[in-house]
Amino acid sequence: MGEIFAGLPWWVKWIAVPVIALVVFGGLIASVVGFVIGLLFKVLVLVALVGGLIYVVRKFTSSSSSRSDF
């Protein structure tokens, strides 16, 4: 791979080739990044809902058990 870029200027290796790669694979990269962000958001929502459920269940079970003590 190094022989291919040996006679080319530095800007071809470090500017032109990455720009071409972004143009060619830009849609794929954007869809992967969007999928990962969506997945992280769904995981965050799941953790919040499960945490809220555990909080509500513990609050009601502790209040009902303290009521039965009286």
Protein backbone atom coordinates (compact mmCIF):
# COMPACT_ATOMS: atom_id res chain seq x y z
CA MET A 1 0.00 0.00 0.00
CA GLY A 2 2.89 2.34 0.72
CA GLU A 3 4.26 1.92 -2.82
CA ILE A 4 1.04 3.31 -4.27
CA PHE A 5 1.35 6.60 -2.37
CA ALA A 6 5.15 6.86 -2.62
CA GLY A 7 5.36 9.36 -5.48
CA LEU A 8 2.32 11.43 -4.54
CA PRO A 9 2.31 14.74 -2.67
CA TRP A 10 1.43 14.79 1.03
CA TRP A 11 -1.93 16.47 0.50
CA VAL A 12 -3.12 13.58 -1.65
CA LYS A 13 -2.45 11.08 1.16
CA TRP A 14 -3.77 13.20 4.02
CA ILE A 15 -6.55 15.30 2.44
CA ALA A 16 -7.77 13.96 -0.91
CA VAL A 17 -7.96 10.25 -0.04
CA PRO A 18 -9.88 10.74 3.26
CA VAL A 19 -12.27 13.18 1.56
CA ILE A 20 -12.96 10.67 -1.21
CA ALA A 21 -13.47 7.93 1.40
CA LEU A 22 -15.94 10.15 3.27
CA VAL A 23 -17.84 10.88 0.08
CA VAL A 24 -18.01 7.19 -0.88
CA PHE A 25 -18.75 5.81 2.60
CA GLY A 26 -20.43 8.88 4.11
CA GLY A 27 -23.93 7.43 4.03
CA LEU A 28 -22.75 4.20 5.60
CA ILE A 29 -20.84 6.05 8.31
CA ALA A 30 -23.82 8.29 9.04
CA SER A 31 -26.19 5.34 9.28
CA VAL A 32 -23.85 3.43 11.62
CA VAL A 33 -23.39 6.49 13.85
CA GLY A 34 -27.15 7.09 13.86
CA PHE A 35 -27.81 3.46 14.75
CA VAL A 36 -25.30 3.56 17.63
CA ILE A 37 -26.73 6.82 19.00
CA GLY A 38 -30.28 5.44 18.72
CA LEU A 39 -29.24 2.25 20.48
CA LEU A 40 -27.58 4.17 23.30
CA PHE A 41 -30.69 6.32 23.69
CA LYS A 42 -32.90 3.23 23.90
CA VAL A 43 -30.59 1.67 26.49
CA LEU A 44 -30.72 4.89 28.51
CA VAL A 45 -34.54 4.92 28.35
CA LEU A 46 -34.63 1.26 29.40
CA VAL A 47 -32.35 1.91 32.38
CA ALA A 48 -34.46 4.92 33.43
CA LEU A 49 -37.73 2.97 33.17
CA VAL A 50 -36.39 -0.05 35.06
CA GLY A 51 -34.92 2.22 37.73
CA GLY A 52 -38.22 4.06 38.06
CA LEU A 53 -40.12 0.79 38.30
CA ILE A 54 -37.79 -0.51 41.02
CA TYR A 55 -38.15 2.79 42.92
CA VAL A 56 -41.95 2.71 42.74
CA VAL A 57 -42.17 -0.95 43.73
CA ARG A 58 -39.83 -0.47 46.70
CA LYS A 59 -41.69 2.65 47.81
CA PHE A 60 -45.09 0.91 47.74
CA THR A 61 -43.87 -2.31 49.32
CA SER A 62 -42.08 -0.49 52.14
CA SER A 63 -45.09 1.77 52.80
CA SER A 64 -47.51 -1.17 52.77
CA SER A 65 -45.34 -3.20 55.15
CA SER A 66 -45.00 -0.24 57.52
CA ARG A 67 -48.79 0.19 57.48
CA SER A 68 -49.30 -3.46 58.45
CA ASP A 69 -46.95 -3.01 61.39
CA PHE A 70 -49.36 -0.57 63.05
